[in-house]
Protein backbone atom coordinates (compact mmCIF):
# COMPACT_ATOMS: atom_id res chain seq x y z
CA MET A 1 124.42 35.58 113.42
CA LYS A 2 124.04 34.60 109.76
CA THR A 3 127.06 32.97 108.14
CA ASP A 4 128.26 31.97 104.67
CA ILE A 5 130.07 28.77 103.76
CA PHE A 6 132.66 28.69 100.96
CA LEU A 7 134.83 26.04 99.39
CA LEU A 8 138.15 27.61 98.40
CA ASN A 9 140.17 25.66 95.79
CA ILE A 10 143.79 26.65 95.20
CA SER A 11 146.14 25.37 92.51
CA GLY A 12 149.62 26.32 91.38
CA GLN A 13 153.29 25.71 91.92
CA ASP A 14 154.01 24.49 95.42
CA LYS A 15 156.18 26.73 97.56
CA PRO A 16 156.71 27.39 101.28
CA GLY A 17 154.21 29.66 103.00
CA LEU A 18 151.11 29.04 100.87
CA THR A 19 148.92 27.53 103.56
CA SER A 20 150.23 29.95 106.17
CA GLY A 21 149.55 32.97 103.97
CA LEU A 22 146.00 31.96 103.08
CA THR A 23 144.95 30.91 106.58
CA SER A 24 146.37 34.14 108.03
CA VAL A 25 143.90 36.07 105.84
CA LEU A 26 141.05 33.87 107.06
CA ALA A 27 142.22 34.35 110.65
CA GLU A 28 141.94 38.15 110.35
CA TYR A 29 138.21 37.79 109.69
CA GLY A 30 137.55 35.12 112.32
CA ALA A 31 136.76 32.38 109.79
CA LYS A 32 136.26 28.81 110.96
CA ILE A 33 137.91 26.02 108.96
CA LEU A 34 135.36 23.24 108.39
CA ASP A 35 137.56 21.01 106.23
CA ILE A 36 141.00 21.12 104.64
CA GLY A 37 142.92 18.82 102.31
CA GLN A 38 145.98 18.98 100.10
CA ALA A 39 147.65 16.99 97.32
CA ASN A 40 150.99 17.60 95.63
CA ILE A 41 151.90 16.08 92.26
CA HIS A 42 155.17 17.02 90.53
CA ASP A 43 155.51 20.22 92.59
CA THR A 44 151.99 21.29 91.63
CA LEU A 45 149.75 21.97 94.59
CA SER A 46 146.02 21.37 94.87
CA LEU A 47 144.62 22.66 98.15
CA GLY A 48 141.02 22.80 99.28
CA MET A 49 139.60 24.62 102.31
CA MET A 50 135.99 24.83 103.36
CA PHE A 51 135.35 27.70 105.73
CA GLU A 52 132.51 29.50 107.51
CA ILE A 53 132.49 33.30 107.72
CA GLU A 54 130.05 35.96 109.01
CA SER A 55 127.76 37.09 106.19
CA GLY A 56 127.88 40.61 104.82
CA ALA A 57 130.94 42.86 104.92
CA LYS A 58 133.29 40.22 106.31
CA SER A 59 132.25 37.67 103.70
CA SER A 60 132.91 40.08 100.82
CA ALA A 61 136.15 41.41 102.29
CA VAL A 62 137.70 38.01 102.95
CA GLN A 63 137.12 36.92 99.36
CA LYS A 64 138.78 40.10 98.06
CA ASP A 65 141.78 39.73 100.38
CA LEU A 66 142.18 36.04 99.52
CA LEU A 67 142.28 36.96 95.82
CA PHE A 68 145.00 39.56 96.51
CA LYS A 69 146.99 37.05 98.56
CA ALA A 70 146.65 34.43 95.82
CA TYR A 71 147.92 36.91 93.22
CA GLU A 72 150.84 37.74 95.49
CA LEU A 73 151.66 34.03 95.88
CA GLY A 74 151.26 33.28 92.17
CA ILE A 75 148.44 30.76 92.54
CA THR A 76 144.93 30.35 91.16
CA THR A 77 141.86 30.42 93.39
CA LYS A 78 138.23 29.48 92.97
CA PHE A 79 135.36 30.20 95.40
CA THR A 80 132.29 27.96 95.52
CA PRO A 81 129.41 28.95 97.85
CA ILE A 82 128.00 25.97 99.79
CA SER A 83 124.43 26.01 101.08
CA LEU A 84 123.76 24.96 104.65
CA GLU A 85 121.59 22.13 103.36
CA ASP A 86 124.37 20.76 101.13
CA TYR A 87 126.88 21.12 103.93
CA GLU A 88 124.71 19.12 106.33
CA LYS A 89 124.19 16.40 103.71
CA TRP A 90 127.96 16.17 103.36
CA VAL A 91 128.39 15.99 107.14
CA ASN A 92 125.91 13.14 107.37
CA LEU A 93 127.93 11.06 104.89
CA GLN A 94 130.69 10.58 107.48
CA GLY A 95 128.68 7.87 109.21
CA LYS A 96 128.81 5.60 106.16
CA ASP A 97 130.95 2.48 106.00
CA ARG A 98 134.55 3.02 104.93
CA TYR A 99 136.78 0.72 102.90
CA ILE A 100 140.31 0.62 101.53
CA ILE A 101 141.13 -0.60 98.03
CA THR A 102 144.81 -1.18 97.28
CA ILE A 103 145.99 -1.62 93.69
CA LEU A 104 149.36 -3.33 93.15
CA GLY A 105 151.45 -4.10 90.09
CA GLU A 106 154.87 -3.74 88.53
CA LYS A 107 153.47 -0.65 86.81
CA LEU A 108 149.97 0.78 86.92
CA THR A 109 148.16 1.82 83.76
CA ALA A 110 145.29 4.19 83.15
CA GLU A 111 143.17 1.24 82.01
CA GLN A 112 143.69 -0.63 85.28
CA ILE A 113 142.75 2.38 87.40
CA SER A 114 139.83 3.22 85.11
CA LYS A 115 138.34 -0.27 85.39
CA VAL A 116 138.69 -0.38 89.18
CA THR A 117 137.22 3.08 89.73
CA SER A 118 134.37 2.28 87.30
CA VAL A 119 133.35 -0.63 89.52
CA ILE A 120 133.47 1.67 92.55
CA SER A 121 131.24 4.17 90.77
CA GLU A 122 128.78 1.49 89.56
CA LYS A 123 128.30 0.37 93.17
CA GLY A 124 127.41 3.92 94.26
CA LEU A 125 130.56 4.35 96.33
CA ASN A 126 132.52 7.60 96.73
CA ILE A 127 136.30 7.94 96.61
CA ASP A 128 137.45 10.18 99.46
CA SER A 129 141.17 10.09 98.72
CA ILE A 130 143.78 8.49 96.49
CA LYS A 131 147.33 8.04 97.75
CA ARG A 132 150.44 6.67 96.06
CA LEU A 133 152.27 4.24 98.35
CA THR A 134 155.34 3.44 96.28
CA GLY A 135 158.22 5.74 95.42
CA ARG A 136 158.49 7.60 92.13
CA LEU A 137 159.51 5.48 89.13
CA SER A 138 162.34 6.57 86.85
CA LEU A 139 161.57 6.51 83.12
CA VAL A 140 165.23 6.31 82.07
CA ARG A 141 166.69 3.96 84.67
CA ASN A 142 165.83 0.26 84.66
CA GLU A 143 164.40 -0.66 88.04
CA GLU A 144 165.77 -3.90 89.48
CA TYR A 145 162.48 -4.48 91.26
CA PRO A 146 159.67 -2.39 89.70
CA ARG A 147 156.53 -2.03 91.78
CA ALA A 148 153.69 0.45 91.97
CA SER A 149 150.82 0.78 94.42
CA ILE A 150 148.04 3.24 95.09
CA GLN A 151 145.50 3.24 97.91
CA LEU A 152 141.91 4.39 97.50
CA SER A 153 139.85 5.34 100.53
CA ILE A 154 136.15 4.88 99.74
CA ARG A 155 132.87 5.14 101.59
CA GLY A 156 129.28 4.08 101.06
CA LYS A 157 126.93 1.17 101.56
CA ILE A 158 127.92 -2.09 99.87
CA GLN A 159 124.94 -4.34 99.21
CA CYS A 160 126.95 -7.49 98.42
CA LYS A 161 130.64 -7.67 99.34
CA THR A 162 131.02 -11.06 97.67
CA GLU A 163 129.84 -9.67 94.35
CA LEU A 164 132.30 -6.76 94.61
CA THR A 165 135.19 -9.07 95.51
CA GLU A 166 134.37 -11.38 92.60
CA LYS A 167 134.37 -8.42 90.21
CA PHE A 168 137.79 -7.32 91.47
CA LEU A 169 139.11 -10.89 91.08
CA GLU A 170 137.91 -10.90 87.49
CA LEU A 171 139.60 -7.56 86.79
CA SER A 172 142.76 -8.73 88.52
CA SER A 173 143.00 -11.72 86.20
CA ASP A 174 142.12 -9.78 83.03
CA LEU A 175 144.42 -6.80 83.70
CA ASP A 176 147.37 -8.51 85.45
CA VAL A 177 147.04 -6.39 88.57
CA ASP A 178 146.34 -7.09 92.25
CA ILE A 179 143.26 -5.47 93.80
CA ALA A 180 142.85 -5.81 97.56
CA PHE A 181 139.62 -4.81 99.27
CA GLN A 182 139.43 -4.30 103.06
CA GLU A 183 137.12 -2.72 105.60
CA ASP A 184 138.73 0.39 107.06
CA ASN A 185 138.15 -0.58 110.67
CA ILE A 186 140.10 -0.34 113.93
CA PHE A 187 141.71 -3.75 113.38
CA ARG A 188 143.21 -2.74 110.03
CA ARG A 189 145.14 0.03 111.72
CA ASN A 190 146.26 -2.15 114.61
CA ARG A 191 147.58 -5.39 113.10
CA ARG A 192 150.18 -7.00 115.36
CA LEU A 193 150.92 -10.58 114.21
CA VAL A 194 151.82 -11.88 110.73
CA CYS A 195 151.90 -15.64 110.11
CA PHE A 196 153.54 -17.08 106.99
CA ASP A 197 153.37 -20.36 105.22
CA MET A 198 156.95 -21.38 104.41
CA ASP A 199 157.20 -23.36 101.16
CA SER A 200 156.40 -21.28 98.05
CA THR A 201 155.67 -18.30 100.31
CA LEU A 202 158.69 -17.32 102.41
CA ILE A 203 160.87 -19.44 100.13
CA GLN A 204 160.53 -20.07 96.41
CA THR A 205 160.54 -23.85 96.54
CA GLU A 206 158.82 -26.84 98.11
CA VAL A 207 161.42 -28.38 100.42
CA ILE A 208 159.86 -31.82 100.32
CA ASP A 209 160.31 -31.79 96.54
CA GLU A 210 164.00 -30.94 97.01
CA LEU A 211 164.39 -33.85 99.41
CA ALA A 212 162.59 -36.13 97.01
CA GLU A 213 164.95 -35.25 94.16
CA LEU A 214 167.89 -36.34 96.28
CA ALA A 215 166.05 -39.52 97.25
CA GLY A 216 165.41 -40.32 93.58
CA VAL A 217 161.62 -40.01 93.86
CA GLY A 218 161.24 -36.44 92.64
CA GLU A 219 158.49 -36.86 90.07
CA GLU A 220 156.34 -39.02 92.34
CA VAL A 221 156.52 -36.56 95.23
CA LYS A 222 156.01 -33.47 93.04
CA ALA A 223 152.82 -34.95 91.63
CA ILE A 224 151.47 -35.62 95.14
CA THR A 225 152.54 -32.14 96.34
CA GLU A 226 150.82 -30.37 93.45
CA SER A 227 147.63 -32.36 93.93
CA ALA A 228 147.59 -31.48 97.64
CA MET A 229 148.24 -27.76 97.05
CA GLN A 230 145.41 -27.68 94.53
CA GLY A 231 143.14 -29.23 97.16
CA GLU A 232 142.52 -32.36 95.10
CA ILE A 233 143.63 -34.79 97.83
CA ASP A 234 143.66 -34.63 101.63
CA PHE A 235 146.82 -32.96 102.97
CA ASN A 236 147.40 -35.50 105.73
CA GLU A 237 147.17 -38.42 103.35
CA SER A 238 149.48 -36.72 100.86
CA PHE A 239 151.95 -35.91 103.65
CA LYS A 240 152.16 -39.53 104.79
CA ARG A 241 152.60 -40.79 101.24
CA ARG A 242 155.38 -38.31 100.51
CA MET A 243 157.16 -38.97 103.79
CA ALA A 244 157.20 -42.72 103.14
CA LEU A 245 158.99 -42.10 99.83
CA LEU A 246 161.83 -40.28 101.67
CA LYS A 247 162.73 -43.29 103.77
CA GLY A 248 166.48 -43.94 103.84
CA LEU A 249 167.59 -40.41 102.84
CA SER A 250 170.72 -39.29 104.70
CA GLU A 251 170.37 -36.58 107.35
CA ASP A 252 173.47 -34.92 105.90
CA VAL A 253 171.54 -33.47 102.96
CA LEU A 254 169.33 -31.30 105.20
CA LYS A 255 172.00 -28.71 105.97
CA ASP A 256 172.96 -28.35 102.32
CA ILE A 257 169.34 -27.78 101.27
CA ALA A 258 168.76 -25.29 104.10
CA GLU A 259 171.76 -23.19 103.07
CA ARG A 260 170.48 -23.05 99.48
CA LEU A 261 166.89 -22.10 100.23
CA PRO A 262 165.81 -19.34 97.80
CA ILE A 263 164.30 -16.55 99.92
CA THR A 264 161.28 -14.96 98.21
CA LYS A 265 161.78 -11.48 96.78
CA GLY A 266 160.73 -8.85 99.28
CA ALA A 267 160.66 -11.24 102.26
CA ARG A 268 163.55 -9.69 104.15
CA ARG A 269 162.30 -6.17 103.49
CA LEU A 270 158.88 -7.18 104.79
CA VAL A 271 160.03 -8.95 107.95
CA ASP A 272 162.57 -6.26 108.87
CA THR A 273 159.91 -3.55 108.47
CA LEU A 274 157.33 -5.51 110.48
CA HIS A 275 159.74 -5.95 113.37
CA SER A 276 160.74 -2.29 113.27
CA TYR A 277 157.08 -1.36 113.77
CA GLY A 278 156.52 -3.82 116.61
CA PHE A 279 154.90 -6.76 114.80
CA LYS A 280 155.43 -10.39 115.79
CA THR A 281 156.04 -12.93 113.02
CA ALA A 282 155.53 -16.66 112.75
CA ILE A 283 156.03 -19.55 110.33
CA LEU A 284 153.06 -21.92 110.28
CA SER A 285 154.09 -24.61 107.84
CA GLY A 286 153.17 -28.03 106.57
CA GLY A 287 156.90 -28.33 105.87
CA PHE A 288 159.61 -29.20 108.37
CA THR A 289 160.91 -27.61 111.57
CA TYR A 290 164.54 -28.14 110.48
CA PHE A 291 164.12 -25.63 107.66
CA GLY A 292 161.67 -23.44 109.54
CA ASN A 293 164.23 -22.98 112.34
CA TYR A 294 166.91 -22.18 109.78
CA LEU A 295 164.70 -19.39 108.40
CA LYS A 296 163.84 -18.32 111.94
CA GLU A 297 167.51 -17.49 112.50
CA LYS A 298 168.13 -16.06 109.02
CA LEU A 299 165.09 -13.75 108.93
CA ASP A 300 164.64 -13.24 112.69
CA ILE A 301 161.18 -14.87 112.81
CA ASP A 302 159.62 -15.05 116.29
CA TYR A 303 157.78 -18.41 116.15
CA VAL A 304 157.97 -21.61 114.11
CA TYR A 305 155.37 -24.39 113.98
CA ALA A 306 155.96 -27.16 111.43
CA ASN A 307 156.36 -30.93 111.09
CA GLN A 308 159.30 -32.70 112.65
CA LEU A 309 161.18 -35.29 110.63
CA GLU A 310 161.87 -38.61 112.34
CA ILE A 311 165.57 -39.43 112.03
CA LYS A 312 167.30 -42.58 113.33
CA ASP A 313 170.95 -43.51 112.92
CA GLY A 314 171.49 -40.54 110.62
CA VAL A 315 168.77 -41.36 108.10
CA LEU A 316 165.13 -40.39 107.58
CA THR A 317 162.77 -43.15 108.63
CA GLY A 318 159.94 -41.99 106.39
CA GLY A 319 158.00 -41.04 109.51
CA TYR A 320 157.41 -37.92 111.59
CA VAL A 321 157.24 -36.91 115.24
CA GLY A 322 154.04 -35.46 116.76
CA GLU A 323 150.90 -34.23 115.03
CA ILE A 324 150.79 -33.38 111.34
CA VAL A 325 150.61 -29.62 110.79
CA ASP A 326 147.76 -29.48 108.27
CA GLY A 327 145.43 -26.62 107.41
CA ASN A 328 143.30 -26.94 110.53
CA LYS A 329 146.39 -27.14 112.73
CA LYS A 330 147.76 -23.94 111.17
CA ALA A 331 144.52 -22.14 112.03
CA GLU A 332 144.71 -23.55 115.56
CA TYR A 333 148.28 -22.26 115.98
CA LEU A 334 147.22 -18.85 114.65
CA ARG A 335 144.48 -18.63 117.27
CA GLU A 336 146.90 -19.76 120.03
CA LEU A 337 149.52 -17.18 119.02
CA ALA A 338 146.94 -14.39 119.01
CA ALA A 339 145.93 -15.39 122.54
CA LYS A 340 149.58 -15.63 123.62
CA GLU A 341 150.29 -12.13 122.28
CA GLY A 342 147.11 -10.80 123.89
CA ILE A 343 145.55 -9.56 120.66
CA ASP A 344 142.23 -9.99 118.91
CA ILE A 345 142.16 -12.41 115.97
CA GLY A 346 141.16 -9.40 113.84
CA GLN A 347 144.66 -7.99 114.44
CA THR A 348 146.34 -10.94 112.70
CA ILE A 349 147.50 -11.47 109.13
CA ALA A 350 148.06 -14.83 107.43
CA VAL A 351 149.95 -15.31 104.15
CA GLY A 352 150.04 -18.52 102.13
CA ASP A 353 149.75 -20.10 98.71
CA GLY A 354 148.20 -23.56 99.05
CA ALA A 355 144.83 -25.11 99.82
CA ASN A 356 146.09 -26.14 103.26
CA ASP A 357 146.54 -22.42 104.05
CA LEU A 358 142.88 -21.57 103.51
CA PRO A 359 141.74 -22.24 107.12
CA MET A 360 144.26 -19.73 108.53
CA LEU A 361 143.67 -17.24 105.69
CA ASP A 362 139.96 -17.36 106.47
CA LEU A 363 140.48 -17.04 110.23
CA ALA A 364 142.94 -14.13 110.18
CA GLY A 365 141.84 -10.52 110.23
CA LEU A 366 143.54 -10.25 106.83
CA GLY A 367 144.20 -13.38 104.78
CA ILE A 368 146.51 -12.94 101.78
CA ALA A 369 146.94 -15.50 98.99
CA PHE A 370 150.51 -15.04 97.77
CA HIS A 371 151.27 -16.14 94.18
CA ALA A 372 148.68 -18.76 95.01
CA LYS A 373 146.85 -21.58 93.28
CA PRO A 374 143.55 -20.50 91.61
CA LYS A 375 141.40 -22.17 94.26
CA VAL A 376 143.22 -20.28 97.00
CA LYS A 377 143.01 -16.88 95.25
CA ASP A 378 139.30 -17.37 94.64
CA ASN A 379 138.64 -18.04 98.33
CA ALA A 380 141.09 -15.66 100.06
CA GLN A 381 140.24 -12.16 101.28
CA SER A 382 143.12 -10.59 99.32
CA SER A 383 145.87 -11.74 96.99
CA ILE A 384 149.30 -10.67 95.74
CA SER A 385 150.55 -12.12 92.47
CA SER A 386 152.24 -9.23 90.66
CA ILE A 387 155.10 -8.29 93.01
CA GLY A 388 157.12 -9.69 95.92
CA LEU A 389 156.23 -10.50 99.50
CA ASP A 390 156.78 -6.91 100.64
CA GLY A 391 153.52 -6.12 98.83
CA VAL A 392 151.96 -7.01 102.19
CA LEU A 393 153.25 -3.66 103.48
CA TYR A 394 151.16 -1.76 100.96
CA LEU A 395 148.04 -3.64 102.03
CA LEU A 396 148.81 -2.35 105.53
CA GLY A 397 148.96 1.20 104.15
CA TYR A 398 152.72 1.74 104.49
CA HIS A 399 154.37 4.15 102.06
CA ASP A 400 157.88 3.46 100.77
CA ARG A 401 159.13 6.42 102.80
CA HIS A 402 157.98 4.65 106.00
CA ILE A 403 160.02 1.62 104.94
CA ASP A 404 163.10 3.32 103.47
CA LEU A 405 163.59 5.35 106.65
CA LEU A 406 164.51 2.07 108.33
CA ASP A 407 167.27 1.14 105.82
């Protein structure tokens, strides 16, 4: 039996019963739906259906009846005949590699989207779908926390992923927007463990700097901290030098600092959502267990691994207990937690800002540099610098409606 293939494009005001009405006409003639997709912007519908129908009388009749039904529904239709050869070419494209590009910012402009999609086009990649992940923005009401995100699903063969990533990093810097690039594989859809650095990631301060201010050695410690985070000096050496400067500080100050820790914007929204969807969370920090455990209770974090302050007779000795949690140790803990939870390392996410976070960012299935130092952004898989910590949810593909349902 000879058949015809048509692509039917429908546009018009969205209303109940459109899809039902059109497919009922196709059903009367025994048509087979080969593909279907729909988008809705500001109550305006764009619907596409590719269908196969017996050639001859049925093919002519179904087109006529679809036009009548469209007139009845108040929508516009367009028929495009598709050759069998073109259809098979299209079918064969489904074996190509698939990727996800997430664009994040306080607001997204046409220029930002144009530049990103131009790079996609230059690399010979096709955009299969574009989806908005954030809620609608009011133009008359000032948003307390403005954020916008769209997700592009693309496919094709990428010759050099490093070159593409570098181009997106360049655009990100020039256009003040975050561009995350991920393979759309089974691990992306099955993440199960998220590990956070603490200082300047979960909280908006470096605790050791706070302690140093109270010990009267603030400037000295800040200089060492900054140098370590930039990767200019070895973390372990910097840690020992900073700890020595805290010698003699009273234990009493720890509680006061813990109660004043500034939680990063979006952190609670992120952690609450992760737990609601069955994720495990952990703090892997070069900071201190005292403050990590405080955050563990406050944010309901599952695991904490950090450095333990040595305290004798109510004062800090300038020493520490156990091994130093440096970058390599963080990566080691990440691997151990994945094994403990019975998941593949590809199902993990690591988030951090400093050079000592790079080993775990590189090891994790998804490593995210959060408001990070330049060296860290340049070497991480993805980065977030334009919005809060809940931007991680958009990299996972969550829409605001998935999150707001939990409030």
